[in-house]
PDB file of N, CA and C in Angstrom:
ATOM      1  N   MET A   1       1.128  -1.219  -0.054  1.00  0.00           N
ATOM      2  CA  MET A   1       0.127  -0.191  -0.549  1.00  0.00           C
ATOM      3  C   MET A   1       0.531   1.306  -0.314  1.00  0.00           C
ATOM      4  N   ALA A   2       0.832   2.055  -0.872  1.00  0.00           N
ATOM      5  CA  ALA A   2       1.746   3.407  -1.281  1.00  0.00           C
ATOM      6  C   ALA A   2       0.918   4.483   0.063  1.00  0.00           C
ATOM      7  N   THR A   3       2.154   5.069   0.351  1.00  0.00           N
ATOM      8  CA  THR A   3       1.490   6.698   1.411  1.00  0.00           C
ATOM      9  C   THR A   3       1.185   7.456   0.382  1.00  0.00           C
ATOM     10  N   LYS A   4       0.889   8.222   1.065  1.00  0.00           N
ATOM     11  CA  LYS A   4      -0.266   9.556   1.008  1.00  0.00           C
ATOM     12  C   LYS A   4       1.157  10.189   0.106  1.00  0.00           C
ATOM     13  N   GLU A   5       2.445  10.221   0.952  1.00  0.00           N
ATOM     14  CA  GLU A   5       3.234  11.039   0.211  1.00  0.00           C
ATOM     15  C   GLU A   5       3.740  10.264  -1.009  1.00  0.00           C
ATOM     16  N   GLN A   6       3.746   8.946  -0.873  1.00  0.00           N
ATOM     17  CA  GLN A   6       4.559   8.572  -1.748  1.00  0.00           C
ATOM     18  C   GLN A   6       3.003   8.293  -3.580  1.00  0.00           C
ATOM     19  N   ASN A   7       2.109   8.792  -3.177  1.00  0.00           N
ATOM     20  CA  ASN A   7       0.755   9.230  -3.846  1.00  0.00           C
ATOM     21  C   ASN A   7       1.025  10.200  -4.709  1.00  0.00           C
ATOM     22  N   LEU A   8       1.349  11.352  -3.693  1.00  0.00           N
ATOM     23  CA  LEU A   8       1.698  12.518  -4.192  1.00  0.00           C
ATOM     24  C   LEU A   8       3.006  12.831  -4.909  1.00  0.00           C
ATOM     25  N   GLU A   9       3.842  11.771  -4.818  1.00  0.00           N
ATOM     26  CA  GLU A   9       5.568  12.140  -5.518  1.00  0.00           C
ATOM     27  C   GLU A   9       4.880  11.258  -6.979  1.00  0.00           C
ATOM     28  N   PHE A  10       4.014  10.224  -7.034  1.00  0.00           N
ATOM     29  CA  PHE A  10       3.478   9.931  -7.923  1.00  0.00           C
ATOM     30  C   PHE A  10       3.019  10.796  -9.201  1.00  0.00           C
ATOM     31  N   LEU A  11       2.159  11.103  -8.321  1.00  0.00           N
ATOM     32  CA  LEU A  11       0.876  11.988  -9.158  1.00  0.00           C
ATOM     33  C   LEU A  11       1.902  13.295  -9.573  1.00  0.00           C
ATOM     34  N   ASN A  12       2.877  14.068  -8.895  1.00  0.00           N
ATOM     35  CA  ASN A  12       3.587  15.511  -8.893  1.00  0.00           C
ATOM     36  C   ASN A  12       4.707  15.118 -10.246  1.00  0.00           C
ATOM     37  N   ASN A  13       5.001  13.357 -10.238  1.00  0.00           N
ATOM     38  CA  ASN A  13       6.081  12.778 -11.549  1.00  0.00           C
ATOM     39  C   ASN A  13       5.062  12.942 -12.730  1.00  0.00           C
ATOM     40  N   SER A  14       3.874  12.367 -12.454  1.00  0.00           N
ATOM     41  CA  SER A  14       3.171  12.291 -13.723  1.00  0.00           C
ATOM     42  C   SER A  14       3.036  13.534 -14.196  1.00  0.00           C
ATOM     43  N   MET A  15       2.431  14.483 -13.778  1.00  0.00           N
ATOM     44  CA  MET A  15       2.354  16.053 -14.201  1.00  0.00           C
ATOM     45  C   MET A  15       3.566  16.850 -14.661  1.00  0.00           C
ATOM     46  N   SER A  16       4.428  16.433 -13.932  1.00  0.00           N
ATOM     47  CA  SER A  16       6.047  16.770 -14.738  1.00  0.00           C
ATOM     48  C   SER A  16       5.922  16.235 -16.178  1.00  0.00           C
ATOM     49  N   THR A  17       5.739  15.066 -16.491  1.00  0.00           N
ATOM     50  CA  THR A  17       5.914  14.476 -17.379  1.00  0.00           C
ATOM     51  C   THR A  17       4.747  14.794 -18.535  1.00  0.00           C
ATOM     52  N   LEU A  18       3.637  14.962 -18.287  1.00  0.00           N
ATOM     53  CA  LEU A  18       2.396  15.351 -19.020  1.00  0.00           C
ATOM     54  C   LEU A  18       2.936  17.077 -19.133  1.00  0.00           C
ATOM     55  N   ASN A  19       3.401  17.955 -18.091  1.00  0.00           N
ATOM     56  CA  ASN A  19       3.775  19.242 -18.735  1.00  0.00           C
ATOM     57  C   ASN A  19       4.659  19.539 -19.647  1.00  0.00           C
ATOM     58  N   GLN A  20       5.725  18.562 -19.523  1.00  0.00           N
ATOM     59  CA  GLN A  20       6.528  18.299 -20.638  1.00  0.00           C
ATOM     60  C   GLN A  20       6.073  18.507 -21.839  1.00  0.00           C
ATOM     61  N   ILE A  21       5.137  17.205 -21.950  1.00  0.00           N
ATOM     62  CA  ILE A  21       4.743  16.767 -23.355  1.00  0.00           C
ATOM     63  C   ILE A  21       3.778  18.355 -23.913  1.00  0.00           C
ATOM     64  N   ALA A  22       2.857  18.980 -23.049  1.00  0.00           N
ATOM     65  CA  ALA A  22       2.189  19.862 -22.969  1.00  0.00           C
ATOM     66  C   ALA A  22       2.951  20.773 -23.879  1.00  0.00           C
ATOM     67  N   THR A  23       4.372  21.431 -23.335  1.00  0.00           N
ATOM     68  CA  THR A  23       4.777  22.485 -23.413  1.00  0.00           C
ATOM     69  C   THR A  23       5.777  22.652 -24.272  1.00  0.00           C
ATOM     70  N   SER A  24       6.166  21.161 -25.681  1.00  0.00           N
ATOM     71  CA  SER A  24       7.016  20.599 -26.200  1.00  0.00           C
ATOM     72  C   SER A  24       6.324  21.000 -27.794  1.00  0.00           C
ATOM     73  N   PRO A  25       7.162  21.830 -28.259  1.00  0.00           N
ATOM     74  CA  PRO A  25       6.557  22.478 -29.490  1.00  0.00           C
ATOM     75  C   PRO A  25       6.967  21.586 -30.523  1.00  0.00           C
ATOM     76  N   SER A  26       7.443  20.491 -30.232  1.00  0.00           N
ATOM     77  CA  SER A  26       7.003  19.364 -31.261  1.00  0.00           C
ATOM     78  C   SER A  26       6.041  18.192 -31.047  1.00  0.00           C
ATOM     79  N   THR A  27       5.218  18.910 -30.017  1.00  0.00           N
ATOM     80  CA  THR A  27       3.936  18.082 -29.850  1.00  0.00           C
ATOM     81  C   THR A  27       2.792  18.569 -30.703  1.00  0.00           C
ATOM     82  N   PRO A  28       1.967  17.758 -31.218  1.00  0.00           N
ATOM     83  CA  PRO A  28       1.294  18.618 -32.379  1.00  0.00           C
ATOM     84  C   PRO A  28       0.218  19.578 -31.021  1.00  0.00           C
ATOM     85  N   LYS A  29      -0.694  20.217 -31.851  1.00  0.00           N
ATOM     86  CA  LYS A  29      -0.997  21.551 -31.049  1.00  0.00           C
ATOM     87  C   LYS A  29      -2.200  20.795 -30.691  1.00  0.00           C
ATOM     88  N   ASN A  30      -3.308  20.241 -30.722  1.00  0.00           N
ATOM     89  CA  ASN A  30      -4.598  19.590 -30.434  1.00  0.00           C
ATOM     90  C   ASN A  30      -3.895  18.313 -29.390  1.00  0.00           C
ATOM     91  N   ILE A  31      -3.090  17.916 -29.468  1.00  0.00           N
ATOM     92  CA  ILE A  31      -2.588  16.872 -28.216  1.00  0.00           C
ATOM     93  C   ILE A  31      -1.824  17.792 -27.124  1.00  0.00           C
ATOM     94  N   ARG A  32      -1.257  19.212 -27.333  1.00  0.00           N
ATOM     95  CA  ARG A  32      -1.099  20.039 -25.882  1.00  0.00           C
ATOM     96  C   ARG A  32      -2.514  20.184 -25.191  1.00  0.00           C
ATOM     97  N   LYS A  33      -3.102  20.222 -26.321  1.00  0.00           N
ATOM     98  CA  LYS A  33      -3.872  20.969 -25.744  1.00  0.00           C
ATOM     99  C   LYS A  33      -4.841  20.103 -24.958  1.00  0.00           C
ATOM    100  N   ASN A  34      -5.463  18.640 -25.432  1.00  0.00           N
ATOM    101  CA  ASN A  34      -5.777  17.559 -24.302  1.00  0.00           C
ATOM    102  C   ASN A  34      -5.141  17.376 -23.273  1.00  0.00           C
ATOM    103  N   ILE A  35      -3.468  17.730 -22.958  1.00  0.00           N
ATOM    104  CA  ILE A  35      -2.593  16.898 -22.648  1.00  0.00           C
ATOM    105  C   ILE A  35      -2.527  18.446 -21.614  1.00  0.00           C
ATOM    106  N   ALA A  36      -3.013  19.077 -21.043  1.00  0.00           N
ATOM    107  CA  ALA A  36      -2.956  20.531 -20.450  1.00  0.00           C
ATOM    108  C   ALA A  36      -4.181  20.445 -20.125  1.00  0.00           C
ATOM    109  N   ASP A  37      -5.727  19.716 -21.106  1.00  0.00           N
ATOM    110  CA  ASP A  37      -6.633  20.224 -19.854  1.00  0.00           C
ATOM    111  C   ASP A  37      -6.573  19.321 -18.825  1.00  0.00           C
ATOM    112  N   ILE A  38      -5.932  18.113 -19.206  1.00  0.00           N
ATOM    113  CA  ILE A  38      -5.887  16.876 -18.234  1.00  0.00           C
ATOM    114  C   ILE A  38      -4.835  17.112 -16.942  1.00  0.00           C
ATOM    115  N   VAL A  39      -4.014  17.807 -17.572  1.00  0.00           N
ATOM    116  CA  VAL A  39      -2.946  18.277 -16.261  1.00  0.00           C
ATOM    117  C   VAL A  39      -3.960  18.984 -15.317  1.00  0.00           C
ATOM    118  N   GLU A  40      -4.904  20.190 -15.644  1.00  0.00           N
ATOM    119  CA  GLU A  40      -5.363  20.809 -14.925  1.00  0.00           C
ATOM    120  C   GLU A  40      -6.513  19.960 -14.021  1.00  0.00           C
ATOM    121  N   GLN A  41      -7.524  19.070 -14.644  1.00  0.00           N
ATOM    122  CA  GLN A  41      -8.184  18.363 -13.628  1.00  0.00           C
ATOM    123  C   GLN A  41      -7.260  17.375 -12.940  1.00  0.00           C
ATOM    124  N   LEU A  42      -6.169  17.071 -13.261  1.00  0.00           N
ATOM    125  CA  LEU A  42      -5.115  16.774 -12.590  1.00  0.00           C
ATOM    126  C   LEU A  42      -5.039  17.229 -11.065  1.00  0.00           C
ATOM    127  N   LYS A  43      -4.953  18.674 -11.554  1.00  0.00           N
ATOM    128  CA  LYS A  43      -4.294  19.358  -9.828  1.00  0.00           C
ATOM    129  C   LYS A  43      -5.744  19.783  -9.262  1.00  0.00           C
ATOM    130  N   SER A  44      -6.714  19.601  -9.965  1.00  0.00           N
ATOM    131  CA  SER A  44      -8.158  19.896  -8.730  1.00  0.00           C
ATOM    132  C   SER A  44      -8.122  19.318  -7.601  1.00  0.00           C
ATOM    133  N   ASP A  45      -8.605  19.685  -6.939  1.00  0.00           N
ATOM    134  CA  ASP A  45      -8.713  19.203  -5.490  1.00  0.00           C
ATOM    135  C   ASP A  45     -10.052  18.791  -5.241  1.00  0.00           C
ATOM    136  N   GLU A  46     -10.903  18.694  -6.152  1.00  0.00           N
ATOM    137  CA  GLU A  46     -12.099  17.723  -6.171  1.00  0.00           C
ATOM    138  C   GLU A  46     -12.450  16.882  -5.438  1.00  0.00           C
ATOM    139  N   TYR A  47     -11.776  15.696  -6.045  1.00  0.00           N
ATOM    140  CA  TYR A  47     -11.589  14.556  -5.775  1.00  0.00           C
ATOM    141  C   TYR A  47     -10.208  13.915  -5.239  1.00  0.00           C
ATOM    142  N   SER A  48     -10.295  12.646  -4.441  1.00  0.00           N
ATOM    143  CA  SER A  48      -9.066  12.458  -4.343  1.00  0.00           C
ATOM    144  C   SER A  48      -7.901  12.033  -5.170  1.00  0.00           C
ATOM    145  N   VAL A  49      -6.806  11.891  -4.546  1.00  0.00           N
ATOM    146  CA  VAL A  49      -5.969  10.955  -5.492  1.00  0.00           C
ATOM    147  C   VAL A  49      -5.594  10.159  -6.326  1.00  0.00           C
ATOM    148  N   SER A  50      -6.074   8.795  -5.792  1.00  0.00           N
ATOM    149  CA  SER A  50      -6.703   7.823  -6.184  1.00  0.00           C
ATOM    150  C   SER A  50      -7.691   8.420  -7.509  1.00  0.00           C
ATOM    151  N   VAL A  51      -8.817   8.699  -7.268  1.00  0.00           N
ATOM    152  CA  VAL A  51      -9.958   9.267  -8.438  1.00  0.00           C
ATOM    153  C   VAL A  51      -9.290   9.966  -9.258  1.00  0.00           C
ATOM    154  N   ARG A  52      -8.978  11.129  -9.060  1.00  0.00           N
ATOM    155  CA  ARG A  52      -7.831  11.586 -10.152  1.00  0.00           C
ATOM    156  C   ARG A  52      -6.786  10.620 -11.060  1.00  0.00           C
ATOM    157  N   ALA A  53      -6.329  10.020 -10.179  1.00  0.00           N
ATOM    158  CA  ALA A  53      -5.377   9.165 -11.530  1.00  0.00           C
ATOM    159  C   ALA A  53      -6.122   8.200 -12.414  1.00  0.00           C
ATOM    160  N   ALA A  54      -6.866   7.524 -11.455  1.00  0.00           N
ATOM    161  CA  ALA A  54      -8.020   6.990 -12.514  1.00  0.00           C
ATOM    162  C   ALA A  54      -9.188   7.353 -13.472  1.00  0.00           C
ATOM    163  N   ASN A  55      -8.972   8.705 -13.044  1.00  0.00           N
ATOM    164  CA  ASN A  55      -9.774   9.702 -14.478  1.00  0.00           C
ATOM    165  C   ASN A  55      -8.475   9.739 -15.207  1.00  0.00           C
ATOM    166  N   THR A  56      -7.844  10.393 -15.714  1.00  0.00           N
ATOM    167  CA  THR A  56      -6.887  10.836 -15.922  1.00  0.00           C
ATOM    168  C   THR A  56      -6.305   9.317 -16.544  1.00  0.00           C
ATOM    169  N   ILE A  57      -5.497   8.421 -16.238  1.00  0.00           N
ATOM    170  CA  ILE A  57      -5.310   7.187 -16.948  1.00  0.00           C
ATOM    171  C   ILE A  57      -6.453   6.899 -18.052  1.00  0.00           C
ATOM    172  N   SER A  58      -7.924   7.041 -17.547  1.00  0.00           N
ATOM    173  CA  SER A  58      -8.591   6.733 -18.829  1.00  0.00           C
ATOM    174  C   SER A  58      -8.617   7.956 -20.075  1.00  0.00           C
ATOM    175  N   LEU A  59      -8.366   9.218 -19.629  1.00  0.00           N
ATOM    176  CA  LEU A  59      -8.466  10.249 -20.662  1.00  0.00           C
ATOM    177  C   LEU A  59      -7.273   9.941 -21.378  1.00  0.00           C
ATOM    178  N   LEU A  60      -5.865   9.951 -20.878  1.00  0.00           N
ATOM    179  CA  LEU A  60      -5.047   9.160 -21.305  1.00  0.00           C
ATOM    180  C   LEU A  60      -5.067   8.281 -22.680  1.00  0.00           C
ATOM    181  N   ASP A  61      -5.346   6.937 -22.026  1.00  0.00           N
ATOM    182  CA  ASP A  61      -5.440   5.910 -22.918  1.00  0.00           C
ATOM    183  C   ASP A  61      -6.437   6.401 -23.669  1.00  0.00           C
ATOM    184  N   ASP A  62      -7.499   7.631 -24.071  1.00  0.00           N
ATOM    185  CA  ASP A  62      -7.911   8.006 -25.368  1.00  0.00           C
ATOM    186  C   ASP A  62      -7.360   8.740 -26.295  1.00  0.00           C
ATOM    187  N   VAL A  63      -6.374   9.528 -25.349  1.00  0.00           N
ATOM    188  CA  VAL A  63      -5.071   9.935 -26.121  1.00  0.00           C
ATOM    189  C   VAL A  63      -4.021   9.222 -26.744  1.00  0.00           C
ATOM    190  N   THR A  64      -3.739   8.001 -26.596  1.00  0.00           N
ATOM    191  CA  THR A  64      -2.807   7.438 -26.725  1.00  0.00           C
ATOM    192  C   THR A  64      -3.294   6.663 -28.286  1.00  0.00           C
ATOM    193  N   GLN A  65      -4.616   6.348 -28.122  1.00  0.00           N
ATOM    194  CA  GLN A  65      -5.417   6.002 -29.061  1.00  0.00           C
ATOM    195  C   GLN A  65      -5.424   6.495 -30.177  1.00  0.00           C
ATOM    196  N   ASP A  66      -5.071   7.781 -30.607  1.00  0.00           N
ATOM    197  CA  ASP A  66      -5.587   8.541 -31.773  1.00  0.00           C
ATOM    198  C   ASP A  66      -4.164   8.743 -32.775  1.00  0.00           C
ATOM    199  N   PRO A  67      -4.875   8.254 -34.076  1.00  0.00           N
ATOM    200  CA  PRO A  67      -3.608   7.417 -34.821  1.00  0.00           C
ATOM    201  C   PRO A  67      -2.664   9.349 -35.529  1.00  0.00           C
ATOM    202  N   ASN A  68      -3.063  10.270 -35.212  1.00  0.00           N
ATOM    203  CA  ASN A  68      -1.846  11.477 -35.236  1.00  0.00           C
ATOM    204  C   ASN A  68      -1.204  11.775 -34.163  1.00  0.00           C
ATOM    205  N   LEU A  69      -1.043  10.908 -33.485  1.00  0.00           N
ATOM    206  CA  LEU A  69      -0.005  10.718 -32.256  1.00  0.00           C
ATOM    207  C   LEU A  69       1.143  10.181 -32.490  1.00  0.00           C
ATOM    208  N   PRO A  70       2.094  11.533 -32.791  1.00  0.00           N
ATOM    209  CA  PRO A  70       3.851  10.736 -32.860  1.00  0.00           C
ATOM    210  C   PRO A  70       4.018   9.648 -31.791  1.00  0.00           C
ATOM    211  N   SER A  71       4.698   8.720 -32.110  1.00  0.00           N
ATOM    212  CA  SER A  71       5.290   7.616 -31.283  1.00  0.00           C
ATOM    213  C   SER A  71       6.170   8.389 -30.374  1.00  0.00           C
ATOM    214  N   TYR A  72       7.008   9.177 -30.531  1.00  0.00           N
ATOM    215  CA  TYR A  72       7.766   9.893 -29.556  1.00  0.00           C
ATOM    216  C   TYR A  72       7.011  10.650 -28.217  1.00  0.00           C
ATOM    217  N   VAL A  73       5.788  11.000 -28.660  1.00  0.00           N
ATOM    218  CA  VAL A  73       5.060  11.626 -27.711  1.00  0.00           C
ATOM    219  C   VAL A  73       4.177  10.104 -26.884  1.00  0.00           C
ATOM    220  N   ARG A  74       3.747   9.288 -27.446  1.00  0.00           N
ATOM    221  CA  ARG A  74       3.401   8.272 -26.790  1.00  0.00           C
ATOM    222  C   ARG A  74       4.138   7.443 -25.775  1.00  0.00           C
ATOM    223  N   THR A  75       5.263   7.267 -25.885  1.00  0.00           N
ATOM    224  CA  THR A  75       6.247   6.811 -24.625  1.00  0.00           C
ATOM    225  C   THR A  75       6.062   7.400 -23.644  1.00  0.00           C
ATOM    226  N   PRO A  76       6.516   8.991 -23.434  1.00  0.00           N
ATOM    227  CA  PRO A  76       6.075   9.158 -22.444  1.00  0.00           C
ATOM    228  C   PRO A  76       4.590   9.500 -21.717  1.00  0.00           C
ATOM    229  N   LEU A  77       3.594   9.008 -22.671  1.00  0.00           N
ATOM    230  CA  LEU A  77       2.255   9.521 -21.731  1.00  0.00           C
ATOM    231  C   LEU A  77       2.170   8.150 -21.406  1.00  0.00           C
ATOM    232  N   TRP A  78       2.475   6.941 -22.276  1.00  0.00           N
ATOM    233  CA  TRP A  78       2.412   5.420 -21.073  1.00  0.00           C
ATOM    234  C   TRP A  78       3.583   5.687 -20.188  1.00  0.00           C
ATOM    235  N   GLN A  79       4.545   6.414 -20.298  1.00  0.00           N
ATOM    236  CA  GLN A  79       5.252   6.241 -19.020  1.00  0.00           C
ATOM    237  C   GLN A  79       4.413   7.410 -17.717  1.00  0.00           C
ATOM    238  N   ALA A  80       3.651   7.862 -18.012  1.00  0.00           N
ATOM    239  CA  ALA A  80       2.480   9.023 -16.961  1.00  0.00           C
ATOM    240  C   ALA A  80       1.775   7.805 -16.495  1.00  0.00           C
ATOM    241  N   VAL A  81       1.074   7.145 -17.647  1.00  0.00           N
ATOM    242  CA  VAL A  81       0.073   6.482 -16.896  1.00  0.00           C
ATOM    243  C   VAL A  81       0.505   5.196 -15.783  1.00  0.00           C
ATOM    244  N   SER A  82       1.833   4.439 -16.123  1.00  0.00           N
ATOM    245  CA  SER A  82       2.276   3.389 -15.760  1.00  0.00           C
ATOM    246  C   SER A  82       2.598   4.261 -13.959  1.00  0.00           C
ATOM    247  N   THR A  83       3.031   5.507 -14.242  1.00  0.00           N
ATOM    248  CA  THR A  83       3.663   5.889 -12.590  1.00  0.00           C
ATOM    249  C   THR A  83       2.065   6.507 -11.803  1.00  0.00           C
ATOM    250  N   LEU A  84       0.828   6.686 -12.932  1.00  0.00           N
ATOM    251  CA  LEU A  84      -0.362   6.989 -12.338  1.00  0.00           C
ATOM    252  C   LEU A  84      -1.005   5.551 -11.672  1.00  0.00           C
ATOM    253  N   GLU A  85      -0.713   4.594 -12.578  1.00  0.00           N
ATOM    254  CA  GLU A  85      -0.871   3.437 -11.695  1.00  0.00           C
ATOM    255  C   GLU A  85      -0.248   2.966 -10.697  1.00  0.00           C
ATOM    256  N   SER A  86       0.517   3.655  -9.770  1.00  0.00           N
ATOM    257  CA  SER A  86       0.788   3.126  -9.015  1.00  0.00           C
ATOM    258  C   SER A  86       0.270   3.318  -7.690  1.00  0.00           C
ATOM    259  N   ILE A  87      -0.659   4.661  -8.071  1.00  0.00           N
ATOM    260  CA  ILE A  87      -1.520   5.220  -6.778  1.00  0.00           C
ATOM    261  C   ILE A  87      -2.066   4.236  -6.431  1.00  0.00           C
ATOM    262  N   ARG A  88      -2.547   4.290  -4.942  1.00  0.00           N
ATOM    263  CA  ARG A  88      -3.128   3.259  -4.543  1.00  0.00           C
ATOM    264  C   ARG A  88      -3.883   4.124  -3.555  1.00  0.00           C
ATOM    265  N   GLU A  89      -5.276   3.880  -2.792  1.00  0.00           N
ATOM    266  CA  GLU A  89      -5.927   4.302  -1.626  1.00  0.00           C
ATOM    267  C   GLU A  89      -6.029   3.568  -0.847  1.00  0.00           C
TER     268      GLU A  89
END
């Protein structure tokens, strides 16, 4: 069972990865917008960390299915998903 501090560390690591993707000029504009919106939802304190992580995983899964998504963007997205999957309450 992950501690609250570990969960927050996982969350912050994922947000950092997603922010890098969202601010990279090599990422397609529509993907950057989607990722930026997802990061904002992840920052919201409306739900618990585990619920936010689960929602984000679902949204990122949809993004990774985009056929226009370059493979060099898909890989860090999967890394963020993997980190988010480590969050447990």
